[in-house]
Amino acid sequence: MSPGDWQVVRQLLVERTGEKIGRLEASPVSGGDINRAYRLSDGSLQFFVKINDIELLPMFEAEMHGLNEIRDSDSIRCPQPIVCGVTGACAFIVMEYLDLSGSMDEIRFARQLAKMHLCRQRRFGYPIDNTIGSSPQPNAYDQDWVGFWQQQRLGFQLSLAKENGFGSELFDTGMRLNQQVASFFNNYSPIASLLHGDLWGGNQGADSAGNPVIYDPACYYGDHETDLAMMELFGRPQRRFFEAYNEVFPIDPGYAQRRELYNLYHILNHANLFGASYVSQAGRMIASLLAHIQ
């Protein structure tokens, strides 16, 4: 961004916060695959900003919506969003800067996450569509969780994979699994819980006071097991996490069977975002899930 663009951001921050903000210095922050990130500071106040192409403003608007939804749940800390907009050729979102140097208390994290998941609605979905990474994530409301997962999660990613040229076998076997999703819910009826939506280890941490923090949400209302499954996809929460979570929001005994089904969505999304290295993993997961129900 040019100096003039940063001045636009500064002026918006002055208007939104009411603070006297001096000249901002932007320091790059590492860690993201999708956006460029910076810490903004005038020597006293600090902010965190993410930047991308101007056409991706809706992605930041949806992120702002999700962060506010989590904050309104009064359950677990997340950054306070301040403003998003466009300047020059860039879209941006600015939020409070959090020092994530603390040590995670898994028991506290589990209890607060469970409290967030106990925020419920009558329908599955979300008021707006958002993104998972930079992939579109449709969220049209549906009373039926199985139908929601078939159409707006698994089926949607399989269709993207077909468009991306990953072969007919993945699509055909995946759709065969998709038609039988209901068999994983014979004795389980999910409720519509507030979800983070993308809760891998890189989107969670602890502030300098030890408070658990979650960020970069892809919020919607759905089965709470999907967040738990995502936590196990690229990490392994310890047993005490699940014990503490279960005390607040009991986990159904069939969760272990559905975990791979839920994580298939994310592996397909990784294939669509980052390329064919994830296609074989998705194929193995589909085969394993089909074998389970046949």
Protein backbone atom coordinates (compact mmCIF):
# COMPACT_ATOMS: atom_id res chain seq x y z
CA MET A 1 0.00 0.00 0.00
CA SER A 2 1.16 3.54 -0.72
CA PRO A 3 1.64 6.20 1.98
CA GLY A 4 -1.60 7.75 0.78
CA ASP A 5 -3.44 4.45 1.29
CA TRP A 6 -2.15 4.17 4.85
CA GLN A 7 -3.36 7.70 5.46
CA VAL A 8 -6.87 6.63 4.40
CA VAL A 9 -6.70 3.77 6.88
CA ARG A 10 -5.47 6.11 9.62
CA GLN A 11 -8.32 8.56 9.02
CA LEU A 12 -10.92 5.78 9.19
CA LEU A 13 -9.39 4.59 12.46
CA VAL A 14 -9.58 8.11 13.89
CA GLU A 15 -13.25 8.31 12.92
CA ARG A 16 -14.14 4.86 14.29
CA THR A 17 -12.14 4.95 17.53
CA GLY A 18 -12.23 8.62 18.45
CA GLU A 19 -8.53 8.34 19.32
CA LYS A 20 -5.80 10.79 18.39
CA ILE A 21 -3.68 8.60 16.15
CA GLY A 22 -0.28 9.76 14.97
CA ARG A 23 1.69 8.68 11.94
CA LEU A 24 1.34 4.93 11.54
CA GLU A 25 4.25 2.61 10.87
CA ALA A 26 3.40 -0.72 9.22
CA SER A 27 5.44 -3.79 10.17
CA PRO A 28 4.81 -7.04 8.25
CA VAL A 29 3.45 -9.96 10.29
CA SER A 30 4.01 -13.52 9.10
CA GLY A 31 1.73 -16.51 9.37
CA GLY A 32 -1.03 -16.20 6.76
CA ASP A 33 -1.39 -17.99 3.41
CA ILE A 34 -4.20 -15.83 2.03
CA ASN A 35 -3.64 -12.20 3.06
CA ARG A 36 -0.81 -9.79 3.68
CA ALA A 37 -0.77 -8.81 7.36
CA TYR A 38 0.76 -5.90 9.25
CA ARG A 39 1.03 -4.46 12.73
CA LEU A 40 0.26 -0.76 12.66
CA SER A 41 1.64 1.47 15.40
CA ASP A 42 1.97 5.17 16.07
CA GLY A 43 4.32 4.45 18.99
CA SER A 44 1.44 4.25 21.46
CA LEU A 45 -1.57 2.60 19.86
CA GLN A 46 -1.35 -0.66 17.91
CA PHE A 47 -3.65 -2.25 15.35
CA PHE A 48 -3.63 -5.38 13.20
CA VAL A 49 -4.49 -5.07 9.51
CA LYS A 50 -4.99 -7.61 6.73
CA ILE A 51 -4.84 -6.62 3.07
CA ASN A 52 -5.85 -8.32 -0.16
CA ASP A 53 -7.12 -7.49 -3.64
CA ILE A 54 -9.96 -4.99 -3.83
CA GLU A 55 -12.49 -7.54 -5.11
CA LEU A 56 -12.07 -9.52 -1.86
CA LEU A 57 -13.69 -6.85 0.31
CA PRO A 58 -16.72 -9.17 0.89
CA MET A 59 -14.33 -11.67 2.50
CA PHE A 60 -13.26 -9.06 5.04
CA GLU A 61 -16.83 -7.88 5.58
CA ALA A 62 -17.83 -11.47 6.39
CA GLU A 63 -14.86 -11.83 8.74
CA MET A 64 -15.92 -8.67 10.56
CA HIS A 65 -19.44 -10.08 10.88
CA GLY A 66 -18.09 -13.35 12.30
CA LEU A 67 -15.80 -11.67 14.82
CA ASN A 68 -18.72 -9.57 16.07
CA GLU A 69 -20.89 -12.70 16.31
CA ILE A 70 -18.28 -14.42 18.48
CA ARG A 71 -17.84 -11.33 20.64
CA ASP A 72 -21.61 -11.07 21.12
CA SER A 73 -21.64 -14.66 22.40
CA ASP A 74 -19.70 -13.49 25.50
CA SER A 75 -17.87 -16.82 25.59
CA ILE A 76 -14.29 -16.62 24.32
CA ARG A 77 -11.97 -13.80 23.34
CA CYS A 78 -11.43 -12.81 19.73
CA PRO A 79 -10.00 -9.61 18.23
CA GLN A 80 -12.37 -6.65 18.14
CA PRO A 81 -12.87 -5.63 14.50
CA ILE A 82 -12.73 -1.90 13.90
CA VAL A 83 -13.19 -1.16 10.22
CA CYS A 84 -12.90 -2.69 6.77
CA GLY A 85 -12.93 -0.97 3.42
CA VAL A 86 -10.98 -0.26 0.24
CA THR A 87 -8.23 2.14 -0.74
CA GLY A 88 -6.34 2.24 -4.00
CA ALA A 89 -6.31 -1.31 -5.37
CA CYS A 90 -6.60 -2.97 -1.96
CA ALA A 91 -9.28 -4.18 0.41
CA PHE A 92 -8.43 -4.23 4.11
CA ILE A 93 -9.72 -5.06 7.57
CA VAL A 94 -8.36 -3.50 10.76
CA MET A 95 -8.84 -4.93 14.23
CA GLU A 96 -7.30 -4.65 17.64
CA TYR A 97 -3.76 -5.95 17.93
CA LEU A 98 -3.42 -8.82 20.40
CA ASP A 99 -0.14 -10.02 21.82
CA LEU A 100 -0.51 -13.78 21.44
CA SER A 101 2.54 -14.65 23.54
CA GLY A 102 0.64 -16.43 26.31
CA SER A 103 0.49 -20.13 27.09
CA MET A 104 -2.76 -21.90 26.21
CA ASP A 105 -4.77 -23.30 29.11
CA GLU A 106 -6.52 -26.21 27.37
CA ILE A 107 -9.12 -26.68 30.10
CA ARG A 108 -10.10 -23.02 30.05
CA PHE A 109 -10.13 -23.04 26.25
CA ALA A 110 -12.35 -26.13 26.20
CA ARG A 111 -14.89 -24.64 28.57
CA GLN A 112 -15.06 -21.32 26.74
CA LEU A 113 -15.34 -22.98 23.33
CA ALA A 114 -18.15 -25.21 24.63
CA LYS A 115 -19.92 -22.10 25.94
CA MET A 116 -19.70 -20.56 22.48
CA HIS A 117 -21.09 -23.73 20.92
CA LEU A 118 -24.04 -23.55 23.31
CA CYS A 119 -25.12 -20.35 21.53
CA ARG A 120 -27.80 -21.78 19.28
CA GLN A 121 -30.23 -20.97 16.49
CA ARG A 122 -33.18 -22.90 15.11
CA ARG A 123 -31.68 -23.30 11.63
CA PHE A 124 -28.34 -24.33 10.18
CA GLY A 125 -26.45 -21.71 8.19
CA TYR A 126 -25.65 -18.04 8.56
CA PRO A 127 -27.12 -14.68 7.53
CA ILE A 128 -24.37 -14.17 4.94
CA ASP A 129 -22.07 -16.31 2.84
CA ASN A 130 -18.40 -16.14 3.76
CA THR A 131 -15.14 -17.87 2.88
CA ILE A 132 -13.14 -20.83 4.08
CA GLY A 133 -9.59 -19.73 3.36
CA SER A 134 -10.34 -17.83 0.16
CA SER A 135 -12.86 -20.36 -1.16
CA PRO A 136 -16.53 -19.36 -1.18
CA GLN A 137 -18.53 -20.88 1.68
CA PRO A 138 -22.29 -20.75 1.05
CA ASN A 139 -24.45 -20.57 4.17
CA ALA A 140 -28.10 -20.50 3.06
CA TYR A 141 -30.34 -21.47 5.97
CA ASP A 142 -31.65 -25.04 6.13
CA GLN A 143 -33.67 -26.82 8.78
CA ASP A 144 -32.00 -30.13 7.87
CA TRP A 145 -28.34 -30.58 8.81
CA VAL A 146 -27.77 -33.54 6.50
CA GLY A 147 -29.12 -31.57 3.53
CA PHE A 148 -27.05 -28.56 4.51
CA TRP A 149 -23.87 -30.65 4.64
CA GLN A 150 -24.63 -32.43 1.38
CA GLN A 151 -25.38 -29.31 -0.62
CA GLN A 152 -23.38 -26.48 0.91
CA ARG A 153 -20.33 -28.24 2.25
CA LEU A 154 -19.34 -31.60 0.76
CA GLY A 155 -21.20 -31.30 -2.53
CA PHE A 156 -20.01 -27.74 -3.05
CA GLN A 157 -16.34 -28.65 -2.57
CA LEU A 158 -16.65 -31.71 -4.80
CA SER A 159 -18.08 -29.53 -7.55
CA LEU A 160 -15.18 -27.08 -7.16
CA ALA A 161 -12.75 -29.98 -7.40
CA LYS A 162 -14.37 -31.12 -10.63
CA GLU A 163 -14.14 -27.59 -12.04
CA ASN A 164 -10.47 -27.52 -11.04
CA GLY A 165 -9.80 -30.63 -13.10
CA PHE A 166 -9.04 -33.12 -10.35
CA GLY A 167 -10.65 -35.99 -12.26
CA SER A 168 -13.98 -37.72 -12.46
CA GLU A 169 -13.10 -40.52 -10.01
CA LEU A 170 -12.81 -38.14 -7.05
CA PHE A 171 -16.07 -36.44 -7.98
CA ASP A 172 -17.98 -39.66 -8.67
CA THR A 173 -16.90 -41.50 -5.52
CA GLY A 174 -17.31 -38.35 -3.48
CA MET A 175 -20.87 -37.85 -4.72
CA ARG A 176 -21.62 -41.50 -3.98
CA LEU A 177 -20.55 -40.82 -0.40
CA ASN A 178 -22.49 -37.55 -0.37
CA GLN A 179 -25.70 -39.39 -1.25
CA GLN A 180 -25.24 -41.57 1.85
CA VAL A 181 -24.33 -38.90 4.40
CA ALA A 182 -27.56 -39.53 6.31
CA SER A 183 -26.24 -42.94 7.40
CA PHE A 184 -23.79 -41.18 9.74
CA PHE A 185 -26.69 -39.60 11.62
CA ASN A 186 -28.95 -42.56 12.37
CA ASN A 187 -28.80 -42.00 16.13
CA TYR A 188 -27.70 -38.38 16.30
CA SER A 189 -29.56 -35.12 15.72
CA PRO A 190 -27.21 -32.11 15.71
CA ILE A 191 -28.26 -28.71 16.97
CA ALA A 192 -27.31 -25.44 15.28
CA SER A 193 -24.39 -24.15 17.36
CA LEU A 194 -22.31 -21.04 16.72
CA LEU A 195 -19.13 -22.30 15.06
CA HIS A 196 -15.76 -20.74 14.40
CA GLY A 197 -15.72 -22.78 11.19
CA ASP A 198 -11.96 -22.99 10.61
CA LEU A 199 -10.56 -23.90 14.01
CA TRP A 200 -7.17 -25.37 13.18
CA GLY A 201 -4.19 -24.64 15.42
CA GLY A 202 -3.13 -21.58 13.43
CA ASN A 203 -6.38 -19.80 14.29
CA GLN A 204 -6.15 -20.15 18.06
CA GLY A 205 -3.78 -18.91 20.72
CA ALA A 206 -3.55 -17.16 24.08
CA ASP A 207 -2.95 -13.52 24.91
CA SER A 208 -0.25 -12.32 27.28
CA ALA A 209 -2.63 -12.76 30.24
CA GLY A 210 -3.32 -16.39 29.27
CA ASN A 211 -6.82 -15.83 27.89
CA PRO A 212 -7.68 -18.21 25.03
CA VAL A 213 -8.15 -16.34 21.74
CA ILE A 214 -9.65 -17.47 18.44
CA TYR A 215 -9.45 -15.52 15.18
CA ASP A 216 -9.81 -15.75 11.38
CA PRO A 217 -13.33 -17.22 11.68
CA ALA A 218 -15.53 -18.72 8.97
CA CYS A 219 -18.63 -18.61 11.17
CA TYR A 220 -21.94 -20.36 10.69
CA TYR A 221 -24.41 -22.29 12.82
CA GLY A 222 -23.94 -26.04 12.58
CA ASP A 223 -22.97 -29.22 14.40
CA HIS A 224 -20.45 -28.42 17.15
CA GLU A 225 -18.55 -31.58 16.22
CA THR A 226 -17.25 -29.86 13.07
CA ASP A 227 -15.11 -27.45 15.11
CA LEU A 228 -13.83 -30.29 17.28
CA ALA A 229 -12.97 -32.35 14.20
CA MET A 230 -11.05 -29.47 12.62
CA MET A 231 -8.98 -29.14 15.79
CA GLU A 232 -7.90 -32.76 15.32
CA LEU A 233 -7.15 -32.48 11.59
CA PHE A 234 -3.83 -30.65 11.89
CA GLY A 235 -3.28 -31.09 15.62
CA ARG A 236 -4.18 -33.24 18.58
CA PRO A 237 -5.86 -31.64 21.59
CA GLN A 238 -5.03 -33.55 24.71
CA ARG A 239 -7.47 -35.76 26.56
CA ARG A 240 -8.02 -33.14 29.25
CA PHE A 241 -9.37 -30.75 26.60
CA PHE A 242 -12.14 -33.15 25.62
CA GLU A 243 -12.89 -34.04 29.24
CA ALA A 244 -13.33 -30.36 30.13
CA TYR A 245 -15.37 -29.67 27.00
CA ASN A 246 -17.61 -32.65 27.66
CA GLU A 247 -18.46 -31.32 31.12
CA VAL A 248 -20.03 -28.22 29.53
CA PHE A 249 -21.34 -29.63 26.23
CA PRO A 250 -21.52 -33.44 26.11
CA ILE A 251 -19.94 -35.03 23.04
CA ASP A 252 -21.99 -37.75 21.35
CA PRO A 253 -20.35 -41.23 21.32
CA GLY A 254 -20.61 -41.31 17.52
CA TYR A 255 -18.36 -38.27 17.08
CA ALA A 256 -15.34 -40.40 16.13
CA GLN A 257 -17.29 -41.81 13.14
CA ARG A 258 -18.29 -38.38 11.86
CA ARG A 259 -14.91 -36.70 12.44
CA GLU A 260 -13.47 -37.89 9.12
CA LEU A 261 -16.64 -36.90 7.27
CA TYR A 262 -16.36 -33.36 8.60
CA ASN A 263 -12.64 -33.10 7.92
CA LEU A 264 -13.08 -34.30 4.34
CA TYR A 265 -14.63 -30.90 3.66
CA HIS A 266 -11.43 -29.16 4.73
CA ILE A 267 -9.12 -31.52 2.83
CA LEU A 268 -11.15 -30.96 -0.33
CA ASN A 269 -10.92 -27.23 0.28
CA HIS A 270 -7.14 -27.50 0.68
CA ALA A 271 -7.02 -29.34 -2.65
CA ASN A 272 -9.02 -26.57 -4.27
CA LEU A 273 -6.87 -23.85 -2.70
CA PHE A 274 -3.38 -25.33 -2.78
CA GLY A 275 -3.38 -28.00 -5.46
CA ALA A 276 -3.38 -31.68 -6.18
CA SER A 277 -1.17 -32.76 -3.26
CA TYR A 278 -4.34 -33.04 -1.17
CA VAL A 279 -6.37 -34.93 -3.79
CA SER A 280 -4.98 -38.37 -2.91
CA GLN A 281 -5.66 -37.73 0.77
CA ALA A 282 -9.24 -36.78 -0.04
CA GLY A 283 -9.61 -39.95 -2.12
CA ARG A 284 -8.39 -42.12 0.75
CA MET A 285 -10.79 -40.43 3.15
CA ILE A 286 -13.72 -40.99 0.79
CA ALA A 287 -12.81 -44.67 0.41
CA SER A 288 -12.55 -45.10 4.18
CA LEU A 289 -15.92 -43.44 4.77
CA LEU A 290 -17.61 -45.52 2.08
CA ALA A 291 -16.16 -48.70 3.57
CA HIS A 292 -17.61 -47.71 6.95
CA ILE A 293 -21.16 -47.56 5.66
CA GLN A 294 -21.11 -50.48 3.24
